[in-house]
């Protein structure tokens, strides 16, 4: 699954970085509609459901510690989120001394505290702000808070129930999208992003709960290849968002089948080694773009053609920055935060008896 996570993160990066390519440089002479690349995030949600089910589902009912679970999840998400948020806060403060950064509308100060508390994807903010992709991390946090409820449903043999619940959630979200003035649910980020995550997260949990079905899936490599080709082709088509999501689900399911049948092969294993950088790549790609594109426009004065080559340089810088962040900042911070609760329990009280 690490390989699929890496591919999904690169898909999101491509979507955001493609905005820096001027329309005249595309073969058709105009920028294609790449809005469907948003659904890579929903692939992430499904993978997350499966992975968390794999790690924690069997613990519920026999020693599952919800507080420790949340502590570990926060320890994974919070350090880099705080750093990237701080970067954009510092950038936004430049406006008060007369320096106007690009994309000034991202600095919604009324949403600063929700960003810090990881609730900015729960409908409390008007739009995405600061490190804009982090809305999905907020949605993930909502799934973590609901995890005990979800995982009770995800016990072995209940995969069909989870699939039904995912289908019901999709139906309700589709109905919600028909209300006058309502945004389509698969386009939601800050306004309803947490609800958007529910069907995909449930689907991922269902894959774990009934992985015995996937153990019997014939020729999983062929299924994975066909579903991957269909999904990638559909990203550039005019297909409706919901069918595209279902194709993505098929791809995730076939990749899980490869994983549980231990047929990943050398290529996927090699690609999976970069999967550990997925979160770093996802959280750092916009800060890196902010710095690099500011340098390209205001210092180097690159033209539209040169910008294409600059994007490759930008991705290389992103990969290096993500590697450094993961090994030298995120992992040490994660270990320290995950262990802090256990350390506090070992510290004796210093209060004096009266």
Protein backbone atom coordinates (compact mmCIF):
# COMPACT_ATOMS: atom_id res chain seq x y z
CA UNK A 1 0.00 0.00 0.00
CA UNK A 2 2.99 2.30 0.43
CA UNK A 3 3.43 2.40 -3.34
CA UNK A 4 -0.17 3.51 -3.86
CA UNK A 5 0.19 6.17 -1.17
CA UNK A 6 3.26 7.52 -2.96
CA UNK A 7 1.46 7.58 -6.31
CA UNK A 8 -1.50 9.38 -4.72
CA UNK A 9 0.75 12.02 -3.18
CA UNK A 10 2.48 12.61 -6.52
CA UNK A 11 -0.98 12.93 -8.11
CA UNK A 12 -1.94 15.69 -5.68
CA UNK A 13 1.40 17.44 -6.24
CA UNK A 14 0.95 17.26 -10.02
CA UNK A 15 -2.52 18.78 -9.68
CA UNK A 16 -1.29 21.74 -7.66
CA UNK A 17 1.94 22.29 -9.58
CA UNK A 18 0.16 22.16 -12.94
CA UNK A 19 -1.42 25.50 -12.03
CA UNK A 20 1.97 27.11 -12.68
CA UNK A 21 1.96 26.01 -16.33
CA UNK A 22 0.57 28.73 -18.59
CA UNK A 23 -2.27 27.59 -20.91
CA UNK A 24 -0.29 28.18 -24.13
CA UNK A 25 2.26 25.53 -23.16
CA UNK A 26 -0.27 22.69 -23.09
CA UNK A 27 -0.43 20.68 -26.37
CA UNK A 28 -4.04 21.76 -26.93
CA UNK A 29 -3.21 25.41 -26.40
CA UNK A 30 -5.40 25.60 -23.33
CA UNK A 31 -5.11 24.19 -19.83
CA UNK A 32 -6.96 20.87 -19.41
CA UNK A 33 -9.53 20.36 -16.70
CA UNK A 34 -7.54 18.60 -13.99
CA UNK A 35 -10.15 19.04 -11.28
CA UNK A 36 -10.66 15.30 -11.03
CA UNK A 37 -7.17 15.00 -9.59
CA UNK A 38 -8.81 16.13 -6.35
CA UNK A 39 -9.98 12.55 -5.91
CA UNK A 40 -6.46 11.39 -5.09
CA UNK A 41 -7.30 12.65 -1.60
CA UNK A 42 -10.22 10.22 -1.41
CA UNK A 43 -7.85 7.42 -2.37
CA UNK A 44 -5.78 8.50 0.64
CA UNK A 45 -8.83 8.26 2.90
CA UNK A 46 -9.53 4.70 1.73
CA UNK A 47 -5.91 3.65 2.26
CA UNK A 48 -5.99 5.22 5.71
CA UNK A 49 -9.09 3.23 6.65
CA UNK A 50 -7.46 -0.02 5.59
CA UNK A 51 -4.13 0.69 7.30
CA UNK A 52 -5.68 1.75 10.60
CA UNK A 53 -7.98 -1.26 10.50
CA UNK A 54 -4.96 -3.47 9.95
CA UNK A 55 -3.06 -1.95 12.89
CA UNK A 56 -5.82 -1.41 15.44
CA UNK A 57 -9.04 -3.31 14.62
CA UNK A 58 -8.04 -6.50 16.42
CA UNK A 59 -7.19 -4.54 19.59
CA UNK A 60 -10.72 -3.27 20.21
CA UNK A 61 -12.34 -5.23 22.99
CA UNK A 62 -9.04 -6.53 24.32
CA UNK A 63 -6.96 -3.66 25.56
CA UNK A 64 -7.48 -0.92 22.98
CA UNK A 65 -6.46 2.38 24.59
CA UNK A 66 -8.25 5.21 22.84
CA UNK A 67 -6.19 7.94 24.50
CA UNK A 68 -2.91 6.33 23.49
CA UNK A 69 -4.24 5.83 19.96
CA UNK A 70 -5.10 9.53 19.65
CA UNK A 71 -1.77 10.51 21.15
CA UNK A 72 0.09 8.50 18.51
CA UNK A 73 -2.04 9.91 15.71
CA UNK A 74 -1.56 13.49 16.87
CA UNK A 75 2.17 12.82 17.26
CA UNK A 76 2.25 11.82 13.61
CA UNK A 77 0.23 14.72 12.23
CA UNK A 78 0.87 17.71 14.44
CA UNK A 79 4.62 18.53 14.29
CA UNK A 80 4.88 19.10 10.54
CA UNK A 81 1.42 20.68 10.43
CA UNK A 82 2.45 23.25 13.05
CA UNK A 83 5.68 24.02 11.17
CA UNK A 84 3.95 24.55 7.82
CA UNK A 85 1.20 26.57 9.48
CA UNK A 86 3.85 28.70 11.18
CA UNK A 87 5.54 29.26 7.82
CA UNK A 88 2.36 30.72 6.33
CA UNK A 89 1.57 32.71 9.46
CA UNK A 90 5.01 34.32 9.21
CA UNK A 91 4.43 34.97 5.51
CA UNK A 92 1.03 36.49 6.22
CA UNK A 93 2.48 38.82 8.82
CA UNK A 94 4.54 40.43 6.06
CA UNK A 95 1.34 42.03 4.83
CA UNK A 96 1.32 44.21 7.94
CA UNK A 97 4.65 45.76 6.91
CA UNK A 98 3.54 46.44 3.36
CA UNK A 99 4.85 43.30 1.63
CA UNK A 100 2.08 41.55 -0.26
CA UNK A 101 2.74 37.83 -0.82
CA UNK A 102 1.13 35.87 -3.63
CA UNK A 103 -2.26 34.25 -2.91
CA UNK A 104 -3.03 36.73 -0.15
CA UNK A 105 -6.52 35.25 0.17
CA UNK A 106 -5.06 32.16 1.88
CA UNK A 107 -4.36 34.18 5.04
CA UNK A 108 -7.73 33.92 6.80
CA UNK A 109 -6.83 34.95 10.33
CA UNK A 110 -10.25 33.96 11.65
CA UNK A 111 -9.32 30.39 10.75
CA UNK A 112 -5.92 30.36 12.44
CA UNK A 113 -7.06 28.71 15.68
CA UNK A 114 -9.16 26.06 13.87
CA UNK A 115 -6.08 25.30 11.75
CA UNK A 116 -3.96 24.90 14.85
CA UNK A 117 -6.55 22.61 16.46
CA UNK A 118 -6.94 20.53 13.27
CA UNK A 119 -10.65 21.26 12.97
CA UNK A 120 -10.47 23.54 9.92
CA UNK A 121 -11.94 20.84 7.65
CA UNK A 122 -15.05 20.45 9.78
CA UNK A 123 -17.06 23.33 8.32
CA UNK A 124 -15.88 26.04 10.70
CA UNK A 125 -13.85 27.92 8.06
CA UNK A 126 -15.16 29.68 4.96
CA UNK A 127 -12.45 28.32 2.67
CA UNK A 128 -9.10 26.56 2.70
CA UNK A 129 -6.40 28.70 4.29
CA UNK A 130 -2.70 28.89 5.12
CA UNK A 131 -1.22 25.51 4.05
CA UNK A 132 -4.29 24.75 1.96
CA UNK A 133 -3.88 20.95 1.48
CA UNK A 134 -3.99 20.48 5.26
CA UNK A 135 -7.81 20.45 5.23
CA UNK A 136 -7.57 16.71 4.53
CA UNK A 137 -5.42 16.23 7.63
CA UNK A 138 -8.25 17.83 9.59
CA UNK A 139 -10.66 15.37 7.97
CA UNK A 140 -8.33 12.52 8.96
CA UNK A 141 -8.41 13.79 12.54
CA UNK A 142 -12.20 13.55 12.51
CA UNK A 143 -11.91 9.93 11.38
CA UNK A 144 -9.51 9.23 14.25
CA UNK A 145 -11.99 10.65 16.75
CA UNK A 146 -14.71 8.40 15.33
CA UNK A 147 -12.41 5.41 15.02
CA UNK A 148 -13.70 3.43 18.05
CA UNK A 149 -17.20 3.54 16.58
CA UNK A 150 -15.99 2.61 13.13
CA UNK A 151 -13.73 -0.16 14.35
CA UNK A 152 -16.54 -1.78 16.33
CA UNK A 153 -18.30 -2.15 13.00
CA UNK A 154 -15.09 -3.36 11.38
CA UNK A 155 -14.73 -6.57 13.33
CA UNK A 156 -14.07 -9.68 11.23
CA UNK A 157 -17.08 -10.72 9.18
CA UNK A 158 -18.72 -7.29 9.12
CA UNK A 159 -17.26 -6.06 5.88
CA UNK A 160 -20.61 -6.15 4.11
CA UNK A 161 -22.15 -3.90 6.79
CA UNK A 162 -19.33 -1.40 6.33
CA UNK A 163 -19.84 -1.41 2.57
CA UNK A 164 -23.55 -0.77 3.08
CA UNK A 165 -22.78 2.10 5.45
CA UNK A 166 -20.32 3.57 2.95
CA UNK A 167 -22.99 3.35 0.23
CA UNK A 168 -25.56 5.01 2.52
CA UNK A 169 -23.06 7.77 3.33
CA UNK A 170 -22.47 8.37 -0.39
CA UNK A 171 -26.23 8.46 -1.03
CA UNK A 172 -26.77 11.01 1.74
CA UNK A 173 -23.89 13.17 0.51
CA UNK A 174 -25.25 13.00 -3.03
CA UNK A 175 -28.65 14.09 -1.70
CA UNK A 176 -27.04 16.92 0.24
CA UNK A 177 -25.35 18.07 -2.97
CA UNK A 178 -28.74 18.54 -4.66
CA UNK A 179 -29.81 21.28 -2.24
CA UNK A 180 -29.94 24.74 -3.85
CA UNK A 181 -26.56 26.42 -3.61
CA UNK A 182 -24.86 23.35 -2.13
CA UNK A 183 -21.39 22.43 -3.34
CA UNK A 184 -20.90 18.93 -4.69
CA UNK A 185 -19.59 16.76 -1.88
CA UNK A 186 -16.48 15.51 -3.70
CA UNK A 187 -15.41 19.13 -4.19
CA UNK A 188 -15.69 20.00 -0.51
CA UNK A 189 -12.60 20.82 1.52
CA UNK A 190 -12.94 23.20 4.46
CA UNK A 191 -16.74 23.16 4.20
CA UNK A 192 -17.61 19.53 4.86
CA UNK A 193 -14.27 17.89 4.16
CA UNK A 194 -14.63 15.67 7.22
CA UNK A 195 -17.96 14.33 5.93
CA UNK A 196 -16.39 13.75 2.53
CA UNK A 197 -13.85 11.43 4.15
CA UNK A 198 -16.44 9.12 5.76
CA UNK A 199 -17.37 6.87 2.78
CA UNK A 200 -13.78 6.28 1.71
CA UNK A 201 -12.60 5.62 5.25
CA UNK A 202 -15.44 3.12 5.76
CA UNK A 203 -14.56 1.47 2.46
CA UNK A 204 -10.96 1.05 3.57
CA UNK A 205 -12.09 -0.48 6.86
CA UNK A 206 -14.38 -2.82 4.93
CA UNK A 207 -11.44 -4.03 2.84
CA UNK A 208 -9.61 -4.92 6.04
CA UNK A 209 -12.63 -6.55 7.66
CA UNK A 210 -13.21 -8.82 4.63
CA UNK A 211 -9.70 -9.21 3.36
CA UNK A 212 -10.53 -12.93 3.12
CA UNK A 213 -12.56 -12.03 0.03
CA UNK A 214 -9.52 -10.36 -1.47
CA UNK A 215 -7.37 -13.38 -0.68
CA UNK A 216 -9.50 -15.26 -3.21
CA UNK A 217 -9.42 -12.60 -5.91
CA UNK A 218 -7.95 -14.22 -9.05
CA UNK A 219 -5.17 -12.50 -11.00
CA UNK A 220 -4.95 -9.48 -8.66
CA UNK A 221 -2.06 -8.03 -10.67
CA UNK A 222 -4.26 -7.88 -13.77
CA UNK A 223 -7.09 -6.33 -11.76
CA UNK A 224 -4.71 -3.75 -10.31
CA UNK A 225 -3.26 -2.90 -13.71
CA UNK A 226 -6.64 -2.53 -15.40
CA UNK A 227 -8.18 -0.48 -12.60
CA UNK A 228 -5.08 1.74 -12.41
CA UNK A 229 -5.19 2.35 -16.16
CA UNK A 230 -8.92 3.09 -16.00
CA UNK A 231 -8.52 5.50 -13.10
CA UNK A 232 -5.56 7.36 -14.62
CA UNK A 233 -7.31 7.67 -17.99
CA UNK A 234 -10.53 8.85 -16.36
CA UNK A 235 -8.67 11.63 -14.54
CA UNK A 236 -8.18 13.35 -17.91
CA UNK A 237 -11.72 12.67 -19.15
CA UNK A 238 -15.11 14.27 -18.59
CA UNK A 239 -16.36 11.39 -16.47
CA UNK A 240 -18.56 12.31 -13.52
CA UNK A 241 -16.84 12.41 -10.15
CA UNK A 242 -18.76 9.58 -8.48
CA UNK A 243 -18.00 6.91 -11.13
CA UNK A 244 -14.36 8.01 -11.00
CA UNK A 245 -14.38 7.53 -7.23
CA UNK A 246 -15.77 4.01 -7.64
CA UNK A 247 -13.03 3.19 -10.16
CA UNK A 248 -10.53 4.45 -7.60
CA UNK A 249 -12.08 2.15 -5.01
CA UNK A 250 -11.58 -0.79 -7.38
CA UNK A 251 -7.93 0.14 -7.72
CA UNK A 252 -7.48 0.35 -3.94
CA UNK A 253 -9.21 -3.02 -3.49
CA UNK A 254 -7.02 -4.69 -6.10
CA UNK A 255 -3.89 -3.22 -4.51
CA UNK A 256 -5.01 -4.57 -1.13
CA UNK A 257 -5.50 -7.95 -2.80
CA UNK A 258 -1.93 -7.83 -4.08
CA UNK A 259 -0.77 -6.93 -0.60
CA UNK A 260 -2.65 -9.63 1.32
CA UNK A 261 -1.74 -12.25 -1.27
CA UNK A 262 1.90 -11.11 -1.03
CA UNK A 263 2.17 -10.59 -4.78
CA UNK A 264 3.41 -7.02 -4.79
CA UNK A 265 6.52 -7.83 -6.78
CA UNK A 266 9.85 -6.08 -6.93
CA UNK A 267 8.65 -2.92 -8.70
CA UNK A 268 5.92 -2.13 -6.16
CA UNK A 269 8.26 -3.00 -3.32
CA UNK A 270 10.84 -0.54 -4.62
CA UNK A 271 8.20 2.16 -5.14
CA UNK A 272 6.86 1.49 -1.67
CA UNK A 273 10.16 2.53 -0.12
CA UNK A 274 9.22 6.10 -0.89
CA UNK A 275 5.87 5.65 0.82
CA UNK A 276 7.31 6.76 4.15
CA UNK A 277 7.69 10.25 2.67
CA UNK A 278 4.03 10.52 1.66
CA UNK A 279 2.94 12.78 4.51
CA UNK A 280 6.06 14.93 4.20
CA UNK A 281 5.57 15.36 0.46
CA UNK A 282 1.92 16.19 0.93
CA UNK A 283 2.42 18.78 3.65
CA UNK A 284 5.55 20.41 2.22
CA UNK A 285 4.69 20.64 -1.46
CA UNK A 286 2.85 23.96 -1.19
CA UNK A 287 5.40 25.68 1.10
CA UNK A 288 8.16 24.56 -1.29
CA UNK A 289 6.12 25.86 -4.23
CA UNK A 290 5.57 29.18 -2.47
CA UNK A 291 9.31 29.69 -1.99
CA UNK A 292 10.43 28.33 -5.35
CA UNK A 293 7.84 30.13 -7.46
CA UNK A 294 8.50 33.40 -5.64
CA UNK A 295 12.17 32.93 -6.50
CA UNK A 296 11.28 32.12 -10.11
CA UNK A 297 9.04 35.17 -10.57
CA UNK A 298 10.64 37.87 -8.47
CA UNK A 299 14.34 37.00 -8.61
CA UNK A 300 15.04 34.84 -11.66
CA UNK A 301 12.20 36.29 -13.79
CA UNK A 302 11.68 32.97 -15.56
CA UNK A 303 9.50 32.81 -18.64
CA UNK A 304 6.70 30.34 -19.16
CA UNK A 305 8.90 27.77 -20.97
CA UNK A 306 11.67 27.93 -18.37
CA UNK A 307 9.05 27.46 -15.67
CA UNK A 308 8.43 23.93 -16.96
CA UNK A 309 12.02 22.97 -16.19
CA UNK A 310 11.79 24.85 -12.90
CA UNK A 311 8.91 22.59 -11.84
CA UNK A 312 11.23 19.57 -12.08
CA UNK A 313 13.78 21.40 -9.95
CA UNK A 314 10.99 22.24 -7.53
CA UNK A 315 9.98 18.59 -7.20
CA UNK A 316 13.60 17.57 -6.58
CA UNK A 317 13.86 20.20 -3.84
CA UNK A 318 10.58 18.93 -2.40
CA UNK A 319 11.86 15.35 -2.30
CA UNK A 320 15.07 16.39 -0.55
CA UNK A 321 13.19 18.60 1.92
CA UNK A 322 10.73 15.79 2.64
CA UNK A 323 13.53 13.29 3.25
CA UNK A 324 15.26 15.66 5.66
CA UNK A 325 11.99 16.52 7.40
CA UNK A 326 10.96 12.90 7.84
CA UNK A 327 14.26 11.62 9.20
CA UNK A 328 15.51 14.56 11.20
CA UNK A 329 12.34 16.27 12.39
CA UNK A 330 9.13 14.27 12.05
CA UNK A 331 10.35 10.93 13.38
CA UNK A 332 12.16 12.38 16.43
CA UNK A 333 9.17 14.62 17.20
CA UNK A 334 6.79 11.72 16.73
CA UNK A 335 8.74 9.48 19.10
CA UNK A 336 8.99 12.25 21.70
CA UNK A 337 5.28 13.13 21.60
CA UNK A 338 4.15 9.50 21.52
CA UNK A 339 6.25 8.75 24.59
CA UNK A 340 5.41 11.91 26.53
CA UNK A 341 2.24 10.46 28.02
CA UNK A 342 4.06 7.39 29.25
CA UNK A 343 6.83 9.55 30.72
CA UNK A 344 4.36 11.69 32.65
CA UNK A 345 2.89 8.62 34.29
CA UNK A 346 6.32 7.67 35.61
CA UNK A 347 6.92 11.07 37.26
CA UNK A 348 5.90 10.90 40.94
CA UNK A 349 3.81 13.62 42.49
CA UNK A 350 5.78 16.35 44.25
CA UNK A 351 2.84 17.57 46.33
CA UNK A 352 3.28 17.47 50.13
CA UNK A 353 0.81 15.65 52.34
CA UNK A 354 -1.11 17.98 54.62
